[in-house]
Amino acid sequence: MEYTLSLTFVNVAGDKVNLSIAGVKPDITKDQINSLMDTIVAKDVFESKGIALASKYGAQLSQRQTTKFEL
């Protein structure tokens, strides 16, 4: 199964911004996610339409299972 972490931030203008990370370990913890999101905001690496991220809003871990069939 593949796991994807979807992070939602609020930018300086007050708009929500989503960032997804594929290939995340399924046992990632809430503390690790909080730390990651704090680092992303503090390092000011990402922008949305030229506007910096200001704060965390939420996060969710999704799993996807793919079944391939030999034909």
C-alpha atoms as a PDB file:
ATOM      1  CA  MET A   1       0.000   0.000   0.000  1.00  0.00           C
ATOM      2  CA  GLU A   2       1.108   3.531  -0.699  1.00  0.00           C
ATOM      3  CA  TYR A   3       0.624   6.238   1.906  1.00  0.00           C
ATOM      4  CA  THR A   4       0.279   9.948   1.177  1.00  0.00           C
ATOM      5  CA  LEU A   5       0.466  12.717   3.752  1.00  0.00           C
ATOM      6  CA  SER A   6      -1.691  15.726   2.892  1.00  0.00           C
ATOM      7  CA  LEU A   7      -0.752  18.899   4.737  1.00  0.00           C
ATOM      8  CA  THR A   8      -2.934  21.996   4.826  1.00  0.00           C
ATOM      9  CA  PHE A   9      -1.509  25.395   5.686  1.00  0.00           C
ATOM     10  CA  VAL A  10      -2.882  28.928   5.812  1.00  0.00           C
ATOM     11  CA  ASN A  11      -0.910  31.532   3.911  1.00  0.00           C
ATOM     12  CA  VAL A  12      -0.367  35.173   4.879  1.00  0.00           C
ATOM     13  CA  ALA A  13      -3.442  36.186   2.860  1.00  0.00           C
ATOM     14  CA  GLY A  14      -5.635  33.752   4.837  1.00  0.00           C
ATOM     15  CA  ASP A  15      -6.092  31.212   2.037  1.00  0.00           C
ATOM     16  CA  LYS A  16      -5.698  27.467   2.565  1.00  0.00           C
ATOM     17  CA  VAL A  17      -2.791  25.795   0.759  1.00  0.00           C
ATOM     18  CA  ASN A  18      -2.382  22.026   0.335  1.00  0.00           C
ATOM     19  CA  LEU A  19       0.872  20.102   0.046  1.00  0.00           C
ATOM     20  CA  SER A  20       0.979  16.330  -0.489  1.00  0.00           C
ATOM     21  CA  ILE A  21       3.907  14.005   0.159  1.00  0.00           C
ATOM     22  CA  ALA A  22       3.793  10.493  -1.323  1.00  0.00           C
ATOM     23  CA  GLY A  23       5.633   7.472   0.018  1.00  0.00           C
ATOM     24  CA  VAL A  24       5.210   8.305   3.697  1.00  0.00           C
ATOM     25  CA  LYS A  25       5.743   5.577   6.287  1.00  0.00           C
ATOM     26  CA  PRO A  26       2.407   4.346   7.665  1.00  0.00           C
ATOM     27  CA  ASP A  27       3.570   4.702  11.274  1.00  0.00           C
ATOM     28  CA  ILE A  28       4.263   8.449  11.117  1.00  0.00           C
ATOM     29  CA  THR A  29       3.242  10.138  14.368  1.00  0.00           C
ATOM     30  CA  LYS A  30       1.324  13.290  15.168  1.00  0.00           C
ATOM     31  CA  ASP A  31       4.487  14.757  16.740  1.00  0.00           C
ATOM     32  CA  GLN A  32       6.491  14.089  13.575  1.00  0.00           C
ATOM     33  CA  ILE A  33       3.815  15.727  11.437  1.00  0.00           C
ATOM     34  CA  ASN A  34       3.677  18.764  13.734  1.00  0.00           C
ATOM     35  CA  SER A  35       7.456  19.073  13.606  1.00  0.00           C
ATOM     36  CA  LEU A  36       7.492  18.766   9.816  1.00  0.00           C
ATOM     37  CA  MET A  37       4.800  21.409   9.397  1.00  0.00           C
ATOM     38  CA  ASP A  38       6.518  23.764  11.870  1.00  0.00           C
ATOM     39  CA  THR A  39       9.767  23.384   9.912  1.00  0.00           C
ATOM     40  CA  ILE A  40       8.056  24.072   6.583  1.00  0.00           C
ATOM     41  CA  VAL A  41       6.511  27.286   7.950  1.00  0.00           C
ATOM     42  CA  ALA A  42       9.699  28.393   9.750  1.00  0.00           C
ATOM     43  CA  LYS A  43      12.041  27.788   6.786  1.00  0.00           C
ATOM     44  CA  ASP A  44       9.689  29.694   4.437  1.00  0.00           C
ATOM     45  CA  VAL A  45      10.578  27.422   1.519  1.00  0.00           C
ATOM     46  CA  PHE A  46       7.159  27.117  -0.128  1.00  0.00           C
ATOM     47  CA  GLU A  47       4.857  29.802  -1.476  1.00  0.00           C
ATOM     48  CA  SER A  48       1.403  29.754  -2.977  1.00  0.00           C
ATOM     49  CA  LYS A  49       0.968  32.301  -5.751  1.00  0.00           C
ATOM     50  CA  GLY A  50       3.931  34.230  -4.358  1.00  0.00           C
ATOM     51  CA  ILE A  51       2.462  34.353  -0.847  1.00  0.00           C
ATOM     52  CA  ALA A  52       4.285  32.770   2.114  1.00  0.00           C
ATOM     53  CA  LEU A  53       2.762  30.139   4.375  1.00  0.00           C
ATOM     54  CA  ALA A  54       1.799  31.528   7.784  1.00  0.00           C
ATOM     55  CA  SER A  55       0.483  28.660   9.904  1.00  0.00           C
ATOM     56  CA  LYS A  56      -0.628  25.028  10.093  1.00  0.00           C
ATOM     57  CA  TYR A  57      -4.260  24.135   9.504  1.00  0.00           C
ATOM     58  CA  GLY A  58      -4.493  20.339   9.349  1.00  0.00           C
ATOM     59  CA  ALA A  59      -3.066  17.053   8.103  1.00  0.00           C
ATOM     60  CA  GLN A  60      -4.288  13.643   7.029  1.00  0.00           C
ATOM     61  CA  LEU A  61      -2.689  10.362   6.051  1.00  0.00           C
ATOM     62  CA  SER A  62      -4.305   8.476   3.177  1.00  0.00           C
ATOM     63  CA  GLN A  63      -3.605   4.992   1.936  1.00  0.00           C
ATOM     64  CA  ARG A  64      -4.017   3.670  -1.555  1.00  0.00           C
ATOM     65  CA  GLN A  65      -3.935   0.068  -2.581  1.00  0.00           C
ATOM     66  CA  THR A  66      -3.362  -0.853  -6.186  1.00  0.00           C
ATOM     67  CA  THR A  67      -4.079  -4.291  -7.583  1.00  0.00           C
ATOM     68  CA  LYS A  68      -2.418  -5.111 -10.907  1.00  0.00           C
ATOM     69  CA  PHE A  69      -3.779  -7.843 -13.132  1.00  0.00           C
ATOM     70  CA  GLU A  70      -1.711  -9.827 -15.601  1.00  0.00           C
ATOM     71  CA  LEU A  71      -3.627 -10.048 -18.852  1.00  0.00           C
END
